[in-house]
Amino acid sequence: MSRILVIDDEELIRQTLRSILERAGHTVLDAPNGREGMLLRQNEPVDVVVTDIYMPEKDGMQVLSEMKQLATKPKIIAMSGGGHKGLLDWRAAALALGAHGVLLKPFDERTVLVTI
């Protein structure tokens, strides 16, 4: 199965995704923000990154931009529950930055597994 890095500032989201993904046989690493997620990614190779878009310290768009620069690029899933209101369509922007898919919060187990 895959090694998956979950980056989200909400602990409950990280725990929920960990539970879903580990039950499906995946190995899961997690980080509370993009800065820590990118540091973890430097030392731990992963197949998939699931990143929240709106986080403190380093947001998901910054994570996507940095992941594009890596020699070995993991599959990236961007997720959000909406976050900030404004002109930015985060889904289109995330896909334009290289995300392989998007995950809308709240999500169910089936949607997570199909998206991964």
PDB file of N, CA and C in Angstrom:
ATOM      1  N   MET A   1       0.840  -1.182   0.000  1.00  0.00           N
ATOM      2  CA  MET A   1       0.000   0.000   0.000  1.00  0.00           C
ATOM      3  C   MET A   1       0.887   1.248   0.000  1.00  0.00           C
ATOM      4  N   SER A   2       0.266   2.389   0.051  1.00  0.00           N
ATOM      5  CA  SER A   2       0.980   3.666  -0.071  1.00  0.00           C
ATOM      6  C   SER A   2       1.401   4.249   1.270  1.00  0.00           C
ATOM      7  N   ARG A   3       2.457   5.069   1.210  1.00  0.00           N
ATOM      8  CA  ARG A   3       2.853   5.913   2.346  1.00  0.00           C
ATOM      9  C   ARG A   3       2.219   7.274   2.092  1.00  0.00           C
ATOM     10  N   ILE A   4       1.414   7.734   3.041  1.00  0.00           N
ATOM     11  CA  ILE A   4       0.635   8.954   2.848  1.00  0.00           C
ATOM     12  C   ILE A   4       0.954   9.956   3.946  1.00  0.00           C
ATOM     13  N   LEU A   5       1.220  11.193   3.534  1.00  0.00           N
ATOM     14  CA  LEU A   5       1.442  12.301   4.460  1.00  0.00           C
ATOM     15  C   LEU A   5       0.182  13.157   4.479  1.00  0.00           C
ATOM     16  N   VAL A   6      -0.403  13.314   5.671  1.00  0.00           N
ATOM     17  CA  VAL A   6      -1.587  14.156   5.854  1.00  0.00           C
ATOM     18  C   VAL A   6      -1.134  15.432   6.544  1.00  0.00           C
ATOM     19  N   ILE A   7      -1.439  16.581   5.922  1.00  0.00           N
ATOM     20  CA  ILE A   7      -1.074  17.884   6.492  1.00  0.00           C
ATOM     21  C   ILE A   7      -2.363  18.668   6.718  1.00  0.00           C
ATOM     22  N   ASP A   8      -2.669  18.930   7.974  1.00  0.00           N
ATOM     23  CA  ASP A   8      -3.876  19.694   8.323  1.00  0.00           C
ATOM     24  C   ASP A   8      -3.699  20.262   9.716  1.00  0.00           C
ATOM     25  N   ASP A   9      -4.152  21.496   9.918  1.00  0.00           N
ATOM     26  CA  ASP A   9      -4.007  22.120  11.227  1.00  0.00           C
ATOM     27  C   ASP A   9      -5.062  21.657  12.222  1.00  0.00           C
ATOM     28  N   GLU A  10      -6.059  20.916  11.780  1.00  0.00           N
ATOM     29  CA  GLU A  10      -7.085  20.397  12.681  1.00  0.00           C
ATOM     30  C   GLU A  10      -6.749  18.958  13.063  1.00  0.00           C
ATOM     31  N   GLU A  11      -6.490  18.745  14.349  1.00  0.00           N
ATOM     32  CA  GLU A  11      -6.098  17.416  14.821  1.00  0.00           C
ATOM     33  C   GLU A  11      -7.168  16.368  14.523  1.00  0.00           C
ATOM     34  N   LEU A  12      -8.439  16.722  14.665  1.00  0.00           N
ATOM     35  CA  LEU A  12      -9.514  15.767  14.411  1.00  0.00           C
ATOM     36  C   LEU A  12      -9.508  15.299  12.957  1.00  0.00           C
ATOM     37  N   ILE A  13      -9.215  16.190  12.028  1.00  0.00           N
ATOM     38  CA  ILE A  13      -9.139  15.807  10.610  1.00  0.00           C
ATOM     39  C   ILE A  13      -7.972  14.852  10.401  1.00  0.00           C
ATOM     40  N   ARG A  14      -6.813  15.170  10.986  1.00  0.00           N
ATOM     41  CA  ARG A  14      -5.648  14.276  10.857  1.00  0.00           C
ATOM     42  C   ARG A  14      -5.951  12.894  11.431  1.00  0.00           C
ATOM     43  N   GLN A  15      -6.577  12.853  12.594  1.00  0.00           N
ATOM     44  CA  GLN A  15      -6.911  11.574  13.217  1.00  0.00           C
ATOM     45  C   GLN A  15      -7.918  10.787  12.386  1.00  0.00           C
ATOM     46  N   THR A  16      -8.914  11.473  11.851  1.00  0.00           N
ATOM     47  CA  THR A  16      -9.933  10.811  11.037  1.00  0.00           C
ATOM     48  C   THR A  16      -9.310  10.219   9.780  1.00  0.00           C
ATOM     49  N   LEU A  17      -8.506  11.013   9.087  1.00  0.00           N
ATOM     50  CA  LEU A  17      -7.850  10.506   7.879  1.00  0.00           C
ATOM     51  C   LEU A  17      -6.899   9.361   8.204  1.00  0.00           C
ATOM     52  N   ARG A  18      -6.157   9.482   9.285  1.00  0.00           N
ATOM     53  CA  ARG A  18      -5.250   8.402   9.696  1.00  0.00           C
ATOM     54  C   ARG A  18      -6.039   7.105   9.894  1.00  0.00           C
ATOM     55  N   SER A  19      -7.140   7.190  10.603  1.00  0.00           N
ATOM     56  CA  SER A  19      -7.961   6.013  10.872  1.00  0.00           C
ATOM     57  C   SER A  19      -8.478   5.377   9.577  1.00  0.00           C
ATOM     58  N   ILE A  20      -9.033   6.189   8.695  1.00  0.00           N
ATOM     59  CA  ILE A  20      -9.564   5.688   7.415  1.00  0.00           C
ATOM     60  C   ILE A  20      -8.462   5.029   6.595  1.00  0.00           C
ATOM     61  N   LEU A  21      -7.345   5.719   6.469  1.00  0.00           N
ATOM     62  CA  LEU A  21      -6.268   5.249   5.597  1.00  0.00           C
ATOM     63  C   LEU A  21      -5.533   4.037   6.168  1.00  0.00           C
ATOM     64  N   GLU A  22      -5.319   4.006   7.476  1.00  0.00           N
ATOM     65  CA  GLU A  22      -4.654   2.851   8.071  1.00  0.00           C
ATOM     66  C   GLU A  22      -5.533   1.606   8.006  1.00  0.00           C
ATOM     67  N   ARG A  23      -6.840   1.764   8.183  1.00  0.00           N
ATOM     68  CA  ARG A  23      -7.751   0.617   8.037  1.00  0.00           C
ATOM     69  C   ARG A  23      -7.696   0.052   6.623  1.00  0.00           C
ATOM     70  N   ALA A  24      -7.398   0.911   5.651  1.00  0.00           N
ATOM     71  CA  ALA A  24      -7.303   0.480   4.257  1.00  0.00           C
ATOM     72  C   ALA A  24      -5.917  -0.087   3.940  1.00  0.00           C
ATOM     73  N   GLY A  25      -5.008  -0.098   4.926  1.00  0.00           N
ATOM     74  CA  GLY A  25      -3.697  -0.706   4.734  1.00  0.00           C
ATOM     75  C   GLY A  25      -2.564   0.248   4.422  1.00  0.00           C
ATOM     76  N   HIS A  26      -2.818   1.542   4.434  1.00  0.00           N
ATOM     77  CA  HIS A  26      -1.780   2.532   4.132  1.00  0.00           C
ATOM     78  C   HIS A  26      -0.970   2.865   5.386  1.00  0.00           C
ATOM     79  N   THR A  27       0.250   3.347   5.186  1.00  0.00           N
ATOM     80  CA  THR A  27       1.078   3.895   6.256  1.00  0.00           C
ATOM     81  C   THR A  27       0.860   5.396   6.240  1.00  0.00           C
ATOM     82  N   VAL A  28       0.585   5.987   7.401  1.00  0.00           N
ATOM     83  CA  VAL A  28       0.235   7.403   7.462  1.00  0.00           C
ATOM     84  C   VAL A  28       1.197   8.167   8.362  1.00  0.00           C
ATOM     85  N   LEU A  29       1.689   9.279   7.845  1.00  0.00           N
ATOM     86  CA  LEU A  29       2.455  10.274   8.594  1.00  0.00           C
ATOM     87  C   LEU A  29       1.584  11.513   8.632  1.00  0.00           C
ATOM     88  N   ASP A  30       1.749  12.367   9.653  1.00  0.00           N
ATOM     89  CA  ASP A  30       0.944  13.589   9.644  1.00  0.00           C
ATOM     90  C   ASP A  30       1.706  14.762  10.228  1.00  0.00           C
ATOM     91  N   ALA A  31       1.248  15.954   9.845  1.00  0.00           N
ATOM     92  CA  ALA A  31       1.860  17.203  10.303  1.00  0.00           C
ATOM     93  C   ALA A  31       0.758  18.252  10.467  1.00  0.00           C
ATOM     94  N   PRO A  32       0.924  19.169  11.446  1.00  0.00           N
ATOM     95  CA  PRO A  32      -0.108  20.164  11.731  1.00  0.00           C
ATOM     96  C   PRO A  32      -0.081  21.417  10.854  1.00  0.00           C
ATOM     97  N   ASN A  33       0.909  21.535   9.985  1.00  0.00           N
ATOM     98  CA  ASN A  33       0.953  22.692   9.075  1.00  0.00           C
ATOM     99  C   ASN A  33       1.918  22.384   7.935  1.00  0.00           C
ATOM    100  N   GLY A  34       1.903  23.222   6.930  1.00  0.00           N
ATOM    101  CA  GLY A  34       2.732  22.993   5.755  1.00  0.00           C
ATOM    102  C   GLY A  34       4.219  23.043   6.021  1.00  0.00           C
ATOM    103  N   ARG A  35       4.633  23.891   6.927  1.00  0.00           N
ATOM    104  CA  ARG A  35       6.063  23.986   7.242  1.00  0.00           C
ATOM    105  C   ARG A  35       6.566  22.664   7.805  1.00  0.00           C
ATOM    106  N   GLU A  36       5.847  22.134   8.801  1.00  0.00           N
ATOM    107  CA  GLU A  36       6.260  20.865   9.399  1.00  0.00           C
ATOM    108  C   GLU A  36       6.077  19.705   8.425  1.00  0.00           C
ATOM    109  N   GLY A  37       5.050  19.780   7.595  1.00  0.00           N
ATOM    110  CA  GLY A  37       4.830  18.736   6.601  1.00  0.00           C
ATOM    111  C   GLY A  37       5.963  18.654   5.599  1.00  0.00           C
ATOM    112  N   MET A  38       6.445  19.803   5.141  1.00  0.00           N
ATOM    113  CA  MET A  38       7.544  19.815   4.183  1.00  0.00           C
ATOM    114  C   MET A  38       8.842  19.325   4.834  1.00  0.00           C
ATOM    115  N   LEU A  39       9.065  19.666   6.101  1.00  0.00           N
ATOM    116  CA  LEU A  39      10.247  19.165   6.809  1.00  0.00           C
ATOM    117  C   LEU A  39      10.174  17.645   6.959  1.00  0.00           C
ATOM    118  N   LEU A  40       9.008  17.139   7.303  1.00  0.00           N
ATOM    119  CA  LEU A  40       8.828  15.695   7.434  1.00  0.00           C
ATOM    120  C   LEU A  40       9.047  15.009   6.093  1.00  0.00           C
ATOM    121  N   ARG A  41       8.518  15.604   5.032  1.00  0.00           N
ATOM    122  CA  ARG A  41       8.642  15.048   3.678  1.00  0.00           C
ATOM    123  C   ARG A  41      10.109  14.948   3.239  1.00  0.00           C
ATOM    124  N   GLN A  42      10.956  15.853   3.719  1.00  0.00           N
ATOM    125  CA  GLN A  42      12.380  15.804   3.370  1.00  0.00           C
ATOM    126  C   GLN A  42      13.040  14.529   3.886  1.00  0.00           C
ATOM    127  N   ASN A  43      12.590  14.041   5.038  1.00  0.00           N
ATOM    128  CA  ASN A  43      13.206  12.877   5.673  1.00  0.00           C
ATOM    129  C   ASN A  43      12.433  11.581   5.461  1.00  0.00           C
ATOM    130  N   GLU A  44      11.217  11.684   5.025  1.00  0.00           N
ATOM    131  CA  GLU A  44      10.364  10.511   4.874  1.00  0.00           C
ATOM    132  C   GLU A  44       9.754  10.499   3.474  1.00  0.00           C
ATOM    133  N   PRO A  45      10.170   9.584   2.608  1.00  0.00           N
ATOM    134  CA  PRO A  45       9.554   9.529   1.284  1.00  0.00           C
ATOM    135  C   PRO A  45       8.081   9.095   1.395  1.00  0.00           C
ATOM    136  N   VAL A  46       7.240   9.735   0.610  1.00  0.00           N
ATOM    137  CA  VAL A  46       5.811   9.401   0.607  1.00  0.00           C
ATOM    138  C   VAL A  46       5.322   9.287  -0.830  1.00  0.00           C
ATOM    139  N   ASP A  47       4.258   8.520  -0.998  1.00  0.00           N
ATOM    140  CA  ASP A  47       3.636   8.341  -2.307  1.00  0.00           C
ATOM    141  C   ASP A  47       2.542   9.371  -2.563  1.00  0.00           C
ATOM    142  N   VAL A  48       1.867   9.767  -1.476  1.00  0.00           N
ATOM    143  CA  VAL A  48       0.726  10.673  -1.580  1.00  0.00           C
ATOM    144  C   VAL A  48       0.814  11.705  -0.466  1.00  0.00           C
ATOM    145  N   VAL A  49       0.456  12.951  -0.791  1.00  0.00           N
ATOM    146  CA  VAL A  49       0.325  14.013   0.203  1.00  0.00           C
ATOM    147  C   VAL A  49      -1.106  14.518   0.139  1.00  0.00           C
ATOM    148  N   VAL A  50      -1.764  14.536   1.291  1.00  0.00           N
ATOM    149  CA  VAL A  50      -3.103  15.119   1.402  1.00  0.00           C
ATOM    150  C   VAL A  50      -2.919  16.377   2.229  1.00  0.00           C
ATOM    151  N   THR A  51      -3.143  17.542   1.624  1.00  0.00           N
ATOM    152  CA  THR A  51      -2.889  18.792   2.329  1.00  0.00           C
ATOM    153  C   THR A  51      -4.107  19.693   2.368  1.00  0.00           C
ATOM    154  N   ASP A  52      -4.349  20.243   3.544  1.00  0.00           N
ATOM    155  CA  ASP A  52      -5.364  21.268   3.698  1.00  0.00           C
ATOM    156  C   ASP A  52      -4.868  22.515   2.972  1.00  0.00           C
ATOM    157  N   ILE A  53      -5.783  23.338   2.523  1.00  0.00           N
ATOM    158  CA  ILE A  53      -5.399  24.564   1.823  1.00  0.00           C
ATOM    159  C   ILE A  53      -5.150  25.707   2.796  1.00  0.00           C
ATOM    160  N   TYR A  54      -6.056  25.900   3.748  1.00  0.00           N
ATOM    161  CA  TYR A  54      -5.956  27.046   4.650  1.00  0.00           C
ATOM    162  C   TYR A  54      -5.390  26.604   5.998  1.00  0.00           C
ATOM    163  N   MET A  55      -4.103  26.939   6.229  1.00  0.00           N
ATOM    164  CA  MET A  55      -3.401  26.590   7.471  1.00  0.00           C
ATOM    165  C   MET A  55      -2.461  27.725   7.841  1.00  0.00           C
ATOM    166  N   PRO A  56      -2.105  27.795   9.129  1.00  0.00           N
ATOM    167  CA  PRO A  56      -1.096  28.784   9.531  1.00  0.00           C
ATOM    168  C   PRO A  56       0.307  28.312   9.146  1.00  0.00           C
ATOM    169  N   GLU A  57       1.241  29.226   9.168  1.00  0.00           N
ATOM    170  CA  GLU A  57       2.673  29.016   8.945  1.00  0.00           C
ATOM    171  C   GLU A  57       3.034  28.734   7.493  1.00  0.00           C
ATOM    172  N   LYS A  58       2.397  27.793   6.848  1.00  0.00           N
ATOM    173  CA  LYS A  58       2.596  27.539   5.424  1.00  0.00           C
ATOM    174  C   LYS A  58       1.319  26.859   4.948  1.00  0.00           C
ATOM    175  N   ASP A  59       0.637  27.503   3.999  1.00  0.00           N
ATOM    176  CA  ASP A  59      -0.647  26.944   3.571  1.00  0.00           C
ATOM    177  C   ASP A  59      -0.479  25.904   2.467  1.00  0.00           C
ATOM    178  N   GLY A  60      -1.578  25.298   2.096  1.00  0.00           N
ATOM    179  CA  GLY A  60      -1.552  24.231   1.107  1.00  0.00           C
ATOM    180  C   GLY A  60      -1.096  24.672  -0.272  1.00  0.00           C
ATOM    181  N   MET A  61      -1.376  25.900  -0.645  1.00  0.00           N
ATOM    182  CA  MET A  61      -0.916  26.399  -1.951  1.00  0.00           C
ATOM    183  C   MET A  61       0.609  26.480  -1.974  1.00  0.00           C
ATOM    184  N   GLN A  62       1.209  26.892  -0.862  1.00  0.00           N
ATOM    185  CA  GLN A  62       2.670  26.925  -0.773  1.00  0.00           C
ATOM    186  C   GLN A  62       3.243  25.508  -0.820  1.00  0.00           C
ATOM    187  N   VAL A  63       2.566  24.575  -0.150  1.00  0.00           N
ATOM    188  CA  VAL A  63       2.997  23.169  -0.193  1.00  0.00           C
ATOM    189  C   VAL A  63       2.957  22.661  -1.632  1.00  0.00           C
ATOM    190  N   LEU A  64       1.859  22.939  -2.344  1.00  0.00           N
ATOM    191  CA  LEU A  64       1.743  22.512  -3.741  1.00  0.00           C
ATOM    192  C   LEU A  64       2.874  23.087  -4.587  1.00  0.00           C
ATOM    193  N   SER A  65       3.152  24.362  -4.415  1.00  0.00           N
ATOM    194  CA  SER A  65       4.220  25.006  -5.185  1.00  0.00           C
ATOM    195  C   SER A  65       5.567  24.367  -4.912  1.00  0.00           C
ATOM    196  N   GLU A  66       5.849  24.070  -3.656  1.00  0.00           N
ATOM    197  CA  GLU A  66       7.133  23.458  -3.308  1.00  0.00           C
ATOM    198  C   GLU A  66       7.211  22.011  -3.785  1.00  0.00           C
ATOM    199  N   MET A  67       6.107  21.284  -3.734  1.00  0.00           N
ATOM    200  CA  MET A  67       6.102  19.888  -4.189  1.00  0.00           C
ATOM    201  C   MET A  67       6.400  19.792  -5.691  1.00  0.00           C
ATOM    202  N   LYS A  68       5.975  20.800  -6.453  1.00  0.00           N
ATOM    203  CA  LYS A  68       6.242  20.805  -7.893  1.00  0.00           C
ATOM    204  C   LYS A  68       7.729  20.836  -8.198  1.00  0.00           C
ATOM    205  N   GLN A  69       8.525  21.352  -7.257  1.00  0.00           N
ATOM    206  CA  GLN A  69       9.958  21.503  -7.463  1.00  0.00           C
ATOM    207  C   GLN A  69      10.756  20.245  -7.119  1.00  0.00           C
ATOM    208  N   LEU A  70      10.104  19.272  -6.481  1.00  0.00           N
ATOM    209  CA  LEU A  70      10.812  18.066  -6.044  1.00  0.00           C
ATOM    210  C   LEU A  70      11.141  17.157  -7.218  1.00  0.00           C
ATOM    211  N   ALA A  71      12.253  16.473  -7.110  1.00  0.00           N
ATOM    212  CA  ALA A  71      12.642  15.521  -8.156  1.00  0.00           C
ATOM    213  C   ALA A  71      11.652  14.355  -8.201  1.00  0.00           C
ATOM    214  N   THR A  72      11.288  13.843  -7.033  1.00  0.00           N
ATOM    215  CA  THR A  72      10.299  12.769  -6.942  1.00  0.00           C
ATOM    216  C   THR A  72       9.019  13.391  -6.417  1.00  0.00           C
ATOM    217  N   LYS A  73       8.037  13.490  -7.289  1.00  0.00           N
ATOM    218  CA  LYS A  73       6.800  14.180  -6.934  1.00  0.00           C
ATOM    219  C   LYS A  73       5.730  13.181  -6.488  1.00  0.00           C
ATOM    220  N   PRO A  74       5.244  13.323  -5.249  1.00  0.00           N
ATOM    221  CA  PRO A  74       4.156  12.460  -4.815  1.00  0.00           C
ATOM    222  C   PRO A  74       2.832  12.923  -5.441  1.00  0.00           C
ATOM    223  N   LYS A  75       1.858  12.052  -5.436  1.00  0.00           N
ATOM    224  CA  LYS A  75       0.504  12.442  -5.823  1.00  0.00           C
ATOM    225  C   LYS A  75       0.007  13.383  -4.725  1.00  0.00           C
ATOM    226  N   ILE A  76      -0.640  14.472  -5.111  1.00  0.00           N
ATOM    227  CA  ILE A  76      -1.084  15.463  -4.131  1.00  0.00           C
ATOM    228  C   ILE A  76      -2.592  15.641  -4.218  1.00  0.00           C
ATOM    229  N   ILE A  77      -3.237  15.552  -3.055  1.00  0.00           N
ATOM    230  CA  ILE A  77      -4.668  15.790  -2.936  1.00  0.00           C
ATOM    231  C   ILE A  77      -4.835  17.037  -2.073  1.00  0.00           C
ATOM    232  N   ALA A  78      -5.490  18.061  -2.615  1.00  0.00           N
ATOM    233  CA  ALA A  78      -5.764  19.285  -1.866  1.00  0.00           C
ATOM    234  C   ALA A  78      -7.144  19.158  -1.233  1.00  0.00           C
ATOM    235  N   MET A  79      -7.282  19.660  -0.009  1.00  0.00           N
ATOM    236  CA  MET A  79      -8.591  19.580   0.634  1.00  0.00           C
ATOM    237  C   MET A  79      -8.894  20.854   1.400  1.00  0.00           C
ATOM    238  N   SER A  80     -10.185  21.124   1.536  1.00  0.00           N
ATOM    239  CA  SER A  80     -10.633  22.277   2.301  1.00  0.00           C
ATOM    240  C   SER A  80     -12.122  22.150   2.580  1.00  0.00           C
ATOM    241  N   GLY A  81     -12.518  22.837   3.616  1.00  0.00           N
ATOM    242  CA  GLY A  81     -13.937  22.942   3.938  1.00  0.00           C
ATOM    243  C   GLY A  81     -14.487  24.278   3.476  1.00  0.00           C
ATOM    244  N   GLY A  82     -13.714  25.000   2.726  1.00  0.00           N
ATOM    245  CA  GLY A  82     -14.143  26.304   2.239  1.00  0.00           C
ATOM    246  C   GLY A  82     -13.186  27.385   2.665  1.00  0.00           C
ATOM    247  N   GLY A  83     -12.929  27.438   3.968  1.00  0.00           N
ATOM    248  CA  GLY A  83     -11.958  28.402   4.466  1.00  0.00           C
ATOM    249  C   GLY A  83     -12.347  29.833   4.183  1.00  0.00           C
ATOM    250  N   HIS A  84     -11.376  30.582   3.744  1.00  0.00           N
ATOM    251  CA  HIS A  84     -11.559  32.007   3.497  1.00  0.00           C
ATOM    252  C   HIS A  84     -12.483  32.235   2.305  1.00  0.00           C
ATOM    253  N   LYS A  85     -13.344  33.200   2.439  1.00  0.00           N
ATOM    254  CA  LYS A  85     -14.202  33.588   1.318  1.00  0.00           C
ATOM    255  C   LYS A  85     -13.451  34.647   0.519  1.00  0.00           C
ATOM    256  N   GLY A  86     -13.658  34.663  -0.755  1.00  0.00           N
ATOM    257  CA  GLY A  86     -12.968  35.649  -1.566  1.00  0.00           C
ATOM    258  C   GLY A  86     -13.016  35.276  -3.023  1.00  0.00           C
ATOM    259  N   LEU A  87     -12.125  35.846  -3.800  1.00  0.00           N
ATOM    260  CA  LEU A  87     -12.123  35.637  -5.233  1.00  0.00           C
ATOM    261  C   LEU A  87     -11.452  34.339  -5.654  1.00  0.00           C
ATOM    262  N   LEU A  88     -10.647  33.755  -4.794  1.00  0.00           N
ATOM    263  CA  LEU A  88      -9.890  32.563  -5.152  1.00  0.00           C
ATOM    264  C   LEU A  88     -10.773  31.320  -5.127  1.00  0.00           C
ATOM    265  N   ASP A  89     -10.859  30.642  -6.259  1.00  0.00           N
ATOM    266  CA  ASP A  89     -11.474  29.320  -6.292  1.00  0.00           C
ATOM    267  C   ASP A  89     -10.348  28.355  -5.966  1.00  0.00           C
ATOM    268  N   TRP A  90     -10.266  27.917  -4.717  1.00  0.00           N
ATOM    269  CA  TRP A  90      -9.134  27.109  -4.268  1.00  0.00           C
ATOM    270  C   TRP A  90      -8.997  25.819  -5.054  1.00  0.00           C
ATOM    271  N   ARG A  91     -10.119  25.231  -5.489  1.00  0.00           N
ATOM    272  CA  ARG A  91     -10.035  23.963  -6.230  1.00  0.00           C
ATOM    273  C   ARG A  91      -9.328  24.157  -7.568  1.00  0.00           C
ATOM    274  N   ALA A  92      -9.745  25.161  -8.325  1.00  0.00           N
ATOM    275  CA  ALA A  92      -9.114  25.424  -9.625  1.00  0.00           C
ATOM    276  C   ALA A  92      -7.653  25.813  -9.441  1.00  0.00           C
ATOM    277  N   ALA A  93      -7.377  26.632  -8.432  1.00  0.00           N
ATOM    278  CA  ALA A  93      -5.999  27.061  -8.181  1.00  0.00           C
ATOM    279  C   ALA A  93      -5.122  25.869  -7.784  1.00  0.00           C
ATOM    280  N   ALA A  94      -5.646  24.980  -6.946  1.00  0.00           N
ATOM    281  CA  ALA A  94      -4.881  23.813  -6.517  1.00  0.00           C
ATOM    282  C   ALA A  94      -4.584  22.891  -7.702  1.00  0.00           C
ATOM    283  N   LEU A  95      -5.569  22.668  -8.543  1.00  0.00           N
ATOM    284  CA  LEU A  95      -5.359  21.824  -9.727  1.00  0.00           C
ATOM    285  C   LEU A  95      -4.353  22.463 -10.676  1.00  0.00           C
ATOM    286  N   ALA A  96      -4.415  23.788 -10.817  1.00  0.00           N
ATOM    287  CA  ALA A  96      -3.469  24.490 -11.679  1.00  0.00           C
ATOM    288  C   ALA A  96      -2.039  24.388 -11.135  1.00  0.00           C
ATOM    289  N   LEU A  97      -1.902  24.290  -9.813  1.00  0.00           N
ATOM    290  CA  LEU A  97      -0.579  24.169  -9.195  1.00  0.00           C
ATOM    291  C   LEU A  97      -0.078  22.722  -9.163  1.00  0.00           C
ATOM    292  N   GLY A  98      -0.879  21.794  -9.672  1.00  0.00           N
ATOM    293  CA  GLY A  98      -0.397  20.424  -9.778  1.00  0.00           C
ATOM    294  C   GLY A  98      -1.090  19.390  -8.911  1.00  0.00           C
ATOM    295  N   ALA A  99      -2.123  19.781  -8.176  1.00  0.00           N
ATOM    296  CA  ALA A  99      -2.850  18.784  -7.385  1.00  0.00           C
ATOM    297  C   ALA A  99      -3.472  17.758  -8.326  1.00  0.00           C
ATOM    298  N   HIS A 100      -3.463  16.512  -7.902  1.00  0.00           N
ATOM    299  CA  HIS A 100      -4.042  15.428  -8.695  1.00  0.00           C
ATOM    300  C   HIS A 100      -5.530  15.270  -8.432  1.00  0.00           C
ATOM    301  N   GLY A 101      -6.007  15.873  -7.362  1.00  0.00           N
ATOM    302  CA  GLY A 101      -7.419  15.791  -7.011  1.00  0.00           C
ATOM    303  C   GLY A 101      -7.726  16.713  -5.856  1.00  0.00           C
ATOM    304  N   VAL A 102      -9.008  16.848  -5.558  1.00  0.00           N
ATOM    305  CA  VAL A 102      -9.440  17.677  -4.438  1.00  0.00           C
ATOM    306  C   VAL A 102     -10.404  16.876  -3.568  1.00  0.00           C
ATOM    307  N   LEU A 103     -10.425  17.213  -2.305  1.00  0.00           N
ATOM    308  CA  LEU A 103     -11.271  16.557  -1.332  1.00  0.00           C
ATOM    309  C   LEU A 103     -11.976  17.644  -0.542  1.00  0.00           C
ATOM    310  N   LEU A 104     -13.293  17.617  -0.561  1.00  0.00           N
ATOM    311  CA  LEU A 104     -14.079  18.627   0.140  1.00  0.00           C
ATOM    312  C   LEU A 104     -14.434  18.132   1.534  1.00  0.00           C
ATOM    313  N   LYS A 105     -14.233  19.000   2.523  1.00  0.00           N
ATOM    314  CA  LYS A 105     -14.657  18.693   3.891  1.00  0.00           C
ATOM    315  C   LYS A 105     -16.093  19.183   4.049  1.00  0.00           C
ATOM    316  N   PRO A 106     -16.943  18.488   4.737  1.00  0.00           N
ATOM    317  CA  PRO A 106     -16.706  17.183   5.349  1.00  0.00           C
ATOM    318  C   PRO A 106     -16.705  16.090   4.286  1.00  0.00           C
ATOM    319  N   PHE A 107     -15.990  15.033   4.547  1.00  0.00           N
ATOM    320  CA  PHE A 107     -15.881  13.924   3.604  1.00  0.00           C
ATOM    321  C   PHE A 107     -16.301  12.636   4.295  1.00  0.00           C
ATOM    322  N   ASP A 108     -16.572  11.623   3.491  1.00  0.00           N
ATOM    323  CA  ASP A 108     -16.867  10.309   4.058  1.00  0.00           C
ATOM    324  C   ASP A 108     -15.745   9.350   3.664  1.00  0.00           C
ATOM    325  N   GLU A 109     -15.719   8.201   4.291  1.00  0.00           N
ATOM    326  CA  GLU A 109     -14.640   7.238   4.082  1.00  0.00           C
ATOM    327  C   GLU A 109     -14.507   6.826   2.624  1.00  0.00           C
ATOM    328  N   ARG A 110     -15.632   6.543   1.978  1.00  0.00           N
ATOM    329  CA  ARG A 110     -15.600   6.099   0.593  1.00  0.00           C
ATOM    330  C   ARG A 110     -14.968   7.162  -0.318  1.00  0.00           C
ATOM    331  N   THR A 111     -15.361   8.418  -0.118  1.00  0.00           N
ATOM    332  CA  THR A 111     -14.828   9.510  -0.935  1.00  0.00           C
ATOM    333  C   THR A 111     -13.322   9.634  -0.741  1.00  0.00           C
ATOM    334  N   VAL A 112     -12.856   9.522   0.488  1.00  0.00           N
ATOM    335  CA  VAL A 112     -11.419   9.606   0.756  1.00  0.00           C
ATOM    336  C   VAL A 112     -10.676   8.504   0.004  1.00  0.00           C
ATOM    337  N   LEU A 113     -11.158   7.286   0.135  1.00  0.00           N
ATOM    338  CA  LEU A 113     -10.463   6.150  -0.481  1.00  0.00           C
ATOM    339  C   LEU A 113     -10.493   6.200  -2.005  1.00  0.00           C
ATOM    340  N   VAL A 114     -11.597   6.643  -2.576  1.00  0.00           N
ATOM    341  CA  VAL A 114     -11.684   6.770  -4.040  1.00  0.00           C
ATOM    342  C   VAL A 114     -10.742   7.881  -4.516  1.00  0.00           C
ATOM    343  N   THR A 115     -10.673   8.975  -3.786  1.00  0.00           N
ATOM    344  CA  THR A 115      -9.801  10.090  -4.162  1.00  0.00           C
ATOM    345  C   THR A 115      -8.332   9.706  -4.065  1.00  0.00           C
ATOM    346  N   ILE A 116      -7.965   8.970  -3.029  1.00  0.00           N
ATOM    347  CA  ILE A 116      -6.577   8.522  -2.867  1.00  0.00           C
ATOM    348  C   ILE A 116      -6.246   7.509  -3.950  1.00  0.00           C
TER     349      ILE A 116
END
